[in-house]
Every structure is written in C-alpha cells, then in structure tokens.
C-alpha cells in the first residue's frame, strides 16, 4: 500500500507483567497453552509470545499501573540510540541510556507522571 499502512511500527510491547502466587505452576500452564518458556525460578518466569513479547510472571505485579507510577509494560525497539535520539527530537525528554548485559534502556514520563521504560535486546552481550 502506498499510504504507509504496510509498514510495521518501530515499537513493540517488550514485556507484560502478570502476578501469580505460584510462578512455576503458572509458567507450566502457560507453556502448555503454547507460550515459549525462556526462564523460570521461584521468583519469576519469562515466557515468549508470538511476535517476541515476553510475559513476565512474578508473585506480585512489579509494575502496577497508576498515575505517577510505572506502566505495566515496557516498549521494545530495534536500536536504543536511534529511539533515544527520536524521543529527544520530539521533546519527550528521555532519561540517559542505561547500558546492561541483556537490555539497554531509558525511561520516559508521560503527561500523567506514569513512567514507561524503552529498551532493546543486546544480542551477544549476555
């Protein structure tokens, strides 16, 4: 299509957080349902959905959604430096980039004070 609707957006949901009192049992159930198990212990489980989004299961919701709080999801980009430059150019005031072995990330604060983490996967650094 010439109107741009055939292009994928530059941002995807990276992680969604799900509270479950029995992490291992919930992870096993989700794996049977068809999600791909990435990691699991007593404290958390990470399962992958189609498209690459990770469902993070913890005993309590790590990121409760509320005004001034943290969004219950994060955003995944292909290139953290490009995304940071784009956000800065748009006046969104991103935090400095934090470099880590698994993900590089920065934070944004929405108009209601809710924080959103933007990250990218560091292939080969982990």
C-alpha atoms as a PDB file:
ATOM      1  CA  UNK A   1       0.000   0.000   0.000  1.00  0.00           C
ATOM      2  CA  UNK A   2       1.283   3.407  -0.855  1.00  0.00           C
ATOM      3  CA  UNK A   3      -0.305   5.075   2.203  1.00  0.00           C
ATOM      4  CA  UNK A   4       2.201   3.566   4.675  1.00  0.00           C
ATOM      5  CA  UNK A   5      -0.144   1.055   6.318  1.00  0.00           C
ATOM      6  CA  UNK A   6       2.056  -1.834   5.149  1.00  0.00           C
ATOM      7  CA  UNK A   7       4.986  -0.732   7.343  1.00  0.00           C
ATOM      8  CA  UNK A   8       5.432  -2.200  10.818  1.00  0.00           C
ATOM      9  CA  UNK A   9       5.580   0.281  13.686  1.00  0.00           C
ATOM     10  CA  UNK A  10       9.057   0.927  15.089  1.00  0.00           C
ATOM     11  CA  UNK A  11       7.960  -0.004  18.631  1.00  0.00           C
ATOM     12  CA  UNK A  12       6.549  -3.191  20.129  1.00  0.00           C
ATOM     13  CA  UNK A  13       5.479  -4.190  23.632  1.00  0.00           C
ATOM     14  CA  UNK A  14       8.597  -5.763  25.148  1.00  0.00           C
ATOM     15  CA  UNK A  15       7.342  -7.202  28.425  1.00  0.00           C
ATOM     16  CA  UNK A  16       3.945  -7.562  30.079  1.00  0.00           C
ATOM     17  CA  UNK A  17       3.884  -8.311  33.801  1.00  0.00           C
ATOM     18  CA  UNK A  18       1.498 -10.859  35.315  1.00  0.00           C
ATOM     19  CA  UNK A  19       1.072 -11.571  39.044  1.00  0.00           C
ATOM     20  CA  UNK A  20       0.567 -15.211  40.076  1.00  0.00           C
ATOM     21  CA  UNK A  21       1.032 -16.705  43.558  1.00  0.00           C
ATOM     22  CA  UNK A  22       2.565 -19.927  42.163  1.00  0.00           C
ATOM     23  CA  UNK A  23       5.026 -18.785  39.492  1.00  0.00           C
ATOM     24  CA  UNK A  24       6.171 -22.273  38.460  1.00  0.00           C
ATOM     25  CA  UNK A  25       2.648 -23.696  38.089  1.00  0.00           C
ATOM     26  CA  UNK A  26       1.511 -20.664  36.114  1.00  0.00           C
ATOM     27  CA  UNK A  27       4.582 -20.847  33.862  1.00  0.00           C
ATOM     28  CA  UNK A  28       3.949 -24.548  33.230  1.00  0.00           C
ATOM     29  CA  UNK A  29       0.301 -23.843  32.376  1.00  0.00           C
ATOM     30  CA  UNK A  30       1.249 -21.007  30.008  1.00  0.00           C
ATOM     31  CA  UNK A  31       3.856 -23.211  28.337  1.00  0.00           C
ATOM     32  CA  UNK A  32       1.211 -25.913  27.807  1.00  0.00           C
ATOM     33  CA  UNK A  33      -1.021 -23.205  26.337  1.00  0.00           C
ATOM     34  CA  UNK A  34       1.639 -22.514  23.694  1.00  0.00           C
ATOM     35  CA  UNK A  35       3.976 -19.819  25.045  1.00  0.00           C
ATOM     36  CA  UNK A  36       7.731 -20.490  24.810  1.00  0.00           C
ATOM     37  CA  UNK A  37       9.468 -20.827  28.193  1.00  0.00           C
ATOM     38  CA  UNK A  38      12.607 -18.634  28.323  1.00  0.00           C
ATOM     39  CA  UNK A  39      13.497 -18.758  32.055  1.00  0.00           C
ATOM     40  CA  UNK A  40      11.875 -19.873  35.308  1.00  0.00           C
ATOM     41  CA  UNK A  41      12.680 -19.990  39.012  1.00  0.00           C
ATOM     42  CA  UNK A  42      10.719 -19.306  42.241  1.00  0.00           C
ATOM     43  CA  UNK A  43      10.936 -15.532  41.840  1.00  0.00           C
ATOM     44  CA  UNK A  44       9.887 -15.105  38.212  1.00  0.00           C
ATOM     45  CA  UNK A  45       9.255 -16.770  34.874  1.00  0.00           C
ATOM     46  CA  UNK A  46       9.691 -15.341  31.393  1.00  0.00           C
ATOM     47  CA  UNK A  47       7.648 -16.753  28.526  1.00  0.00           C
ATOM     48  CA  UNK A  48       7.652 -15.552  24.925  1.00  0.00           C
ATOM     49  CA  UNK A  49       4.541 -14.878  22.856  1.00  0.00           C
ATOM     50  CA  UNK A  50       4.287 -14.738  19.079  1.00  0.00           C
ATOM     51  CA  UNK A  51       5.938 -11.542  17.875  1.00  0.00           C
ATOM     52  CA  UNK A  52       8.579 -11.603  20.616  1.00  0.00           C
ATOM     53  CA  UNK A  53       6.692 -10.034  23.528  1.00  0.00           C
ATOM     54  CA  UNK A  54       7.721 -11.539  26.865  1.00  0.00           C
ATOM     55  CA  UNK A  55       5.216 -12.309  29.607  1.00  0.00           C
ATOM     56  CA  UNK A  56       6.972 -11.929  32.978  1.00  0.00           C
ATOM     57  CA  UNK A  57       5.228 -13.862  35.757  1.00  0.00           C
ATOM     58  CA  UNK A  58       6.016 -12.769  39.326  1.00  0.00           C
ATOM     59  CA  UNK A  59       4.329 -13.402  42.699  1.00  0.00           C
ATOM     60  CA  UNK A  60       3.215  -9.765  42.782  1.00  0.00           C
ATOM     61  CA  UNK A  61       2.751  -7.257  39.999  1.00  0.00           C
ATOM     62  CA  UNK A  62       6.094  -5.455  39.738  1.00  0.00           C
ATOM     63  CA  UNK A  63       4.683  -2.606  37.731  1.00  0.00           C
ATOM     64  CA  UNK A  64       1.226  -1.590  38.919  1.00  0.00           C
ATOM     65  CA  UNK A  65      -0.417   0.872  36.542  1.00  0.00           C
ATOM     66  CA  UNK A  66      -1.433   4.104  38.228  1.00  0.00           C
ATOM     67  CA  UNK A  67      -0.982   7.809  37.701  1.00  0.00           C
ATOM     68  CA  UNK A  68       2.545   8.720  38.698  1.00  0.00           C
ATOM     69  CA  UNK A  69       3.540   5.038  38.845  1.00  0.00           C
ATOM     70  CA  UNK A  70       5.129   2.634  36.390  1.00  0.00           C
ATOM     71  CA  UNK A  71       3.354   1.303  33.292  1.00  0.00           C
ATOM     72  CA  UNK A  72       2.600  -2.456  33.470  1.00  0.00           C
ATOM     73  CA  UNK A  73       4.537  -2.926  30.220  1.00  0.00           C
ATOM     74  CA  UNK A  74       7.688  -1.711  28.550  1.00  0.00           C
ATOM     75  CA  UNK A  75       8.377  -0.840  24.926  1.00  0.00           C
ATOM     76  CA  UNK A  76      10.884  -2.720  22.752  1.00  0.00           C
ATOM     77  CA  UNK A  77      12.800  -1.013  19.936  1.00  0.00           C
ATOM     78  CA  UNK A  78      15.420  -2.298  17.488  1.00  0.00           C
ATOM     79  CA  UNK A  79      18.016   0.403  18.223  1.00  0.00           C
ATOM     80  CA  UNK A  80      18.130   2.175  21.580  1.00  0.00           C
ATOM     81  CA  UNK A  81      20.350   5.025  20.359  1.00  0.00           C
ATOM     82  CA  UNK A  82      18.059   5.845  17.426  1.00  0.00           C
ATOM     83  CA  UNK A  83      14.968   5.669  19.654  1.00  0.00           C
ATOM     84  CA  UNK A  84      16.614   7.935  22.234  1.00  0.00           C
ATOM     85  CA  UNK A  85      17.518  10.493  19.538  1.00  0.00           C
ATOM     86  CA  UNK A  86      13.978  10.339  18.110  1.00  0.00           C
ATOM     87  CA  UNK A  87      12.400  10.862  21.544  1.00  0.00           C
ATOM     88  CA  UNK A  88      14.726  13.776  22.256  1.00  0.00           C
ATOM     89  CA  UNK A  89      13.911  15.360  18.878  1.00  0.00           C
ATOM     90  CA  UNK A  90      10.188  15.046  19.679  1.00  0.00           C
ATOM     91  CA  UNK A  91      10.651  16.820  23.034  1.00  0.00           C
ATOM     92  CA  UNK A  92       9.815  13.722  25.090  1.00  0.00           C
ATOM     93  CA  UNK A  93      12.795  14.203  27.485  1.00  0.00           C
ATOM     94  CA  UNK A  94      14.157  10.648  27.804  1.00  0.00           C
ATOM     95  CA  UNK A  95      16.441   9.719  30.695  1.00  0.00           C
ATOM     96  CA  UNK A  96      20.062   8.868  29.895  1.00  0.00           C
ATOM     97  CA  UNK A  97      20.507   5.412  28.362  1.00  0.00           C
ATOM     98  CA  UNK A  98      21.393   2.720  30.887  1.00  0.00           C
ATOM     99  CA  UNK A  99      23.606   0.022  29.351  1.00  0.00           C
ATOM    100  CA  UNK A 100      23.236  -3.546  30.641  1.00  0.00           C
ATOM    101  CA  UNK A 101      24.170  -7.068  29.565  1.00  0.00           C
ATOM    102  CA  UNK A 102      20.659  -8.078  28.464  1.00  0.00           C
ATOM    103  CA  UNK A 103      18.895  -4.803  27.638  1.00  0.00           C
ATOM    104  CA  UNK A 104      19.900  -1.187  27.151  1.00  0.00           C
ATOM    105  CA  UNK A 105      17.106   1.107  28.278  1.00  0.00           C
ATOM    106  CA  UNK A 106      15.876   4.588  29.018  1.00  0.00           C
ATOM    107  CA  UNK A 107      12.771   5.927  30.694  1.00  0.00           C
ATOM    108  CA  UNK A 108      10.105   8.384  29.663  1.00  0.00           C
ATOM    109  CA  UNK A 109       7.471  10.043  31.811  1.00  0.00           C
ATOM    110  CA  UNK A 110       4.002  10.530  30.345  1.00  0.00           C
ATOM    111  CA  UNK A 111       1.785  13.553  30.935  1.00  0.00           C
ATOM    112  CA  UNK A 112       0.111  11.866  33.939  1.00  0.00           C
ATOM    113  CA  UNK A 113       3.508  11.138  35.531  1.00  0.00           C
ATOM    114  CA  UNK A 114       3.427   7.439  34.629  1.00  0.00           C
ATOM    115  CA  UNK A 115       6.873   6.056  33.760  1.00  0.00           C
ATOM    116  CA  UNK A 116       7.485   3.945  30.659  1.00  0.00           C
ATOM    117  CA  UNK A 117      10.698   2.024  30.027  1.00  0.00           C
ATOM    118  CA  UNK A 118      12.009   1.803  26.449  1.00  0.00           C
ATOM    119  CA  UNK A 119      14.534  -0.970  25.826  1.00  0.00           C
ATOM    120  CA  UNK A 120      16.318  -3.063  23.237  1.00  0.00           C
ATOM    121  CA  UNK A 121      17.805  -6.521  23.351  1.00  0.00           C
ATOM    122  CA  UNK A 122      21.586  -6.763  23.416  1.00  0.00           C
ATOM    123  CA  UNK A 123      22.249  -9.857  21.357  1.00  0.00           C
ATOM    124  CA  UNK A 124      25.585 -11.403  22.167  1.00  0.00           C
ATOM    125  CA  UNK A 125      26.268  -9.378  25.332  1.00  0.00           C
ATOM    126  CA  UNK A 126      24.512 -11.659  27.867  1.00  0.00           C
END
